[in-house]
């Protein structure tokens, strides 16, 4: 049971509590962005760029500026379509 709480956070270089904090931050930001998008759907003069700005910010934080180092990805071999055994 203990492994269930540690396995994924370790793959992204975080402890359980660090992962809880990070995932909660992203969830709250996404809920805020969703709210703004719904309001914008009915009142298009409001929140014109808020949803996209939140998405870009989350992407920057998660992908471009990740401060923790993830565990190395397992080595896999790629096979091109049409090659290999028939």
C-alpha atoms as a PDB file:
ATOM      1  CA  UNK A   1       0.000   0.000   0.000  1.00  0.00           C
ATOM      2  CA  UNK A   2       2.850   2.385   0.879  1.00  0.00           C
ATOM      3  CA  UNK A   3       4.275   1.929  -2.635  1.00  0.00           C
ATOM      4  CA  UNK A   4       1.058   3.264  -4.193  1.00  0.00           C
ATOM      5  CA  UNK A   5       1.671   6.666  -2.607  1.00  0.00           C
ATOM      6  CA  UNK A   6       5.353   6.893  -3.531  1.00  0.00           C
ATOM      7  CA  UNK A   7       5.703   5.278  -6.951  1.00  0.00           C
ATOM      8  CA  UNK A   8       4.442   8.091  -9.199  1.00  0.00           C
ATOM      9  CA  UNK A   9       5.883  11.029  -7.210  1.00  0.00           C
ATOM     10  CA  UNK A  10       9.314   9.393  -7.376  1.00  0.00           C
ATOM     11  CA  UNK A  11       9.097   9.133 -11.174  1.00  0.00           C
ATOM     12  CA  UNK A  12       8.899  12.937 -11.328  1.00  0.00           C
ATOM     13  CA  UNK A  13      11.561  13.499  -8.672  1.00  0.00           C
ATOM     14  CA  UNK A  14       9.228  14.503  -5.831  1.00  0.00           C
ATOM     15  CA  UNK A  15       8.250  13.265  -2.409  1.00  0.00           C
ATOM     16  CA  UNK A  16       4.601  12.494  -1.712  1.00  0.00           C
ATOM     17  CA  UNK A  17       4.066  15.876  -0.006  1.00  0.00           C
ATOM     18  CA  UNK A  18       5.879  17.808  -2.744  1.00  0.00           C
ATOM     19  CA  UNK A  19       3.730  16.070  -5.342  1.00  0.00           C
ATOM     20  CA  UNK A  20       0.555  16.786  -3.367  1.00  0.00           C
ATOM     21  CA  UNK A  21       1.482  20.471  -3.222  1.00  0.00           C
ATOM     22  CA  UNK A  22       2.355  20.673  -6.912  1.00  0.00           C
ATOM     23  CA  UNK A  23      -0.723  18.748  -8.076  1.00  0.00           C
ATOM     24  CA  UNK A  24      -2.977  20.841  -5.826  1.00  0.00           C
ATOM     25  CA  UNK A  25      -1.492  24.052  -7.233  1.00  0.00           C
ATOM     26  CA  UNK A  26      -2.136  22.859 -10.797  1.00  0.00           C
ATOM     27  CA  UNK A  27      -5.662  21.739  -9.914  1.00  0.00           C
ATOM     28  CA  UNK A  28      -6.570  25.086  -8.370  1.00  0.00           C
ATOM     29  CA  UNK A  29      -5.116  26.993 -11.334  1.00  0.00           C
ATOM     30  CA  UNK A  30      -7.034  24.737 -13.755  1.00  0.00           C
ATOM     31  CA  UNK A  31     -10.301  25.248 -11.861  1.00  0.00           C
ATOM     32  CA  UNK A  32      -9.759  29.009 -12.005  1.00  0.00           C
ATOM     33  CA  UNK A  33      -9.045  28.808 -15.723  1.00  0.00           C
ATOM     34  CA  UNK A  34     -12.130  26.658 -16.296  1.00  0.00           C
ATOM     35  CA  UNK A  35     -14.282  29.181 -14.435  1.00  0.00           C
ATOM     36  CA  UNK A  36     -12.902  32.022 -16.558  1.00  0.00           C
ATOM     37  CA  UNK A  37     -13.524  30.066 -19.770  1.00  0.00           C
ATOM     38  CA  UNK A  38     -17.145  29.353 -18.799  1.00  0.00           C
ATOM     39  CA  UNK A  39     -17.758  33.009 -17.973  1.00  0.00           C
ATOM     40  CA  UNK A  40     -16.089  33.999 -21.257  1.00  0.00           C
ATOM     41  CA  UNK A  41     -18.400  31.626 -23.166  1.00  0.00           C
ATOM     42  CA  UNK A  42     -21.430  33.678 -22.080  1.00  0.00           C
ATOM     43  CA  UNK A  43     -19.790  37.088 -21.704  1.00  0.00           C
ATOM     44  CA  UNK A  44     -17.092  37.169 -24.415  1.00  0.00           C
ATOM     45  CA  UNK A  45     -15.898  40.620 -23.387  1.00  0.00           C
ATOM     46  CA  UNK A  46     -14.650  39.162 -20.069  1.00  0.00           C
ATOM     47  CA  UNK A  47     -11.549  37.013 -19.566  1.00  0.00           C
ATOM     48  CA  UNK A  48     -10.545  37.307 -23.242  1.00  0.00           C
ATOM     49  CA  UNK A  49      -7.040  35.935 -22.713  1.00  0.00           C
ATOM     50  CA  UNK A  50      -7.171  34.570 -19.175  1.00  0.00           C
ATOM     51  CA  UNK A  51      -7.708  30.900 -20.046  1.00  0.00           C
ATOM     52  CA  UNK A  52      -4.894  30.770 -22.567  1.00  0.00           C
ATOM     53  CA  UNK A  53      -2.584  32.716 -20.242  1.00  0.00           C
ATOM     54  CA  UNK A  54      -3.220  30.173 -17.457  1.00  0.00           C
ATOM     55  CA  UNK A  55      -2.537  27.258 -19.825  1.00  0.00           C
ATOM     56  CA  UNK A  56       0.737  28.809 -21.003  1.00  0.00           C
ATOM     57  CA  UNK A  57       1.775  29.471 -17.391  1.00  0.00           C
ATOM     58  CA  UNK A  58       1.041  25.898 -16.333  1.00  0.00           C
ATOM     59  CA  UNK A  59       2.916  24.511 -19.332  1.00  0.00           C
ATOM     60  CA  UNK A  60       5.911  26.720 -18.570  1.00  0.00           C
ATOM     61  CA  UNK A  61       5.952  25.605 -14.945  1.00  0.00           C
ATOM     62  CA  UNK A  62       5.442  21.898 -15.632  1.00  0.00           C
ATOM     63  CA  UNK A  63       7.443  21.356 -18.801  1.00  0.00           C
ATOM     64  CA  UNK A  64       9.851  24.192 -19.498  1.00  0.00           C
ATOM     65  CA  UNK A  65      10.946  25.221 -16.002  1.00  0.00           C
ATOM     66  CA  UNK A  66      10.679  22.036 -13.997  1.00  0.00           C
ATOM     67  CA  UNK A  67      13.014  22.483 -11.040  1.00  0.00           C
ATOM     68  CA  UNK A  68      13.053  18.902  -9.794  1.00  0.00           C
ATOM     69  CA  UNK A  69      14.697  16.175 -11.783  1.00  0.00           C
ATOM     70  CA  UNK A  70      12.669  13.172 -12.751  1.00  0.00           C
ATOM     71  CA  UNK A  71      13.964   9.651 -12.522  1.00  0.00           C
ATOM     72  CA  UNK A  72      15.600   8.580 -15.779  1.00  0.00           C
ATOM     73  CA  UNK A  73      13.142   7.156 -18.272  1.00  0.00           C
ATOM     74  CA  UNK A  74      13.490   3.452 -19.009  1.00  0.00           C
ATOM     75  CA  UNK A  75      15.359   2.663 -22.221  1.00  0.00           C
ATOM     76  CA  UNK A  76      13.096   1.539 -25.024  1.00  0.00           C
ATOM     77  CA  UNK A  77      13.731   0.673 -28.619  1.00  0.00           C
ATOM     78  CA  UNK A  78      11.689   2.238 -31.357  1.00  0.00           C
ATOM     79  CA  UNK A  79      10.567   0.320 -34.407  1.00  0.00           C
ATOM     80  CA  UNK A  80       9.542   2.161 -37.526  1.00  0.00           C
ATOM     81  CA  UNK A  81       6.350   1.135 -39.205  1.00  0.00           C
ATOM     82  CA  UNK A  82       6.947  -1.269 -42.050  1.00  0.00           C
ATOM     83  CA  UNK A  83      10.242  -2.499 -40.607  1.00  0.00           C
ATOM     84  CA  UNK A  84      10.911  -5.567 -38.569  1.00  0.00           C
ATOM     85  CA  UNK A  85       9.368  -8.995 -38.731  1.00  0.00           C
ATOM     86  CA  UNK A  86       6.310  -9.589 -40.852  1.00  0.00           C
END
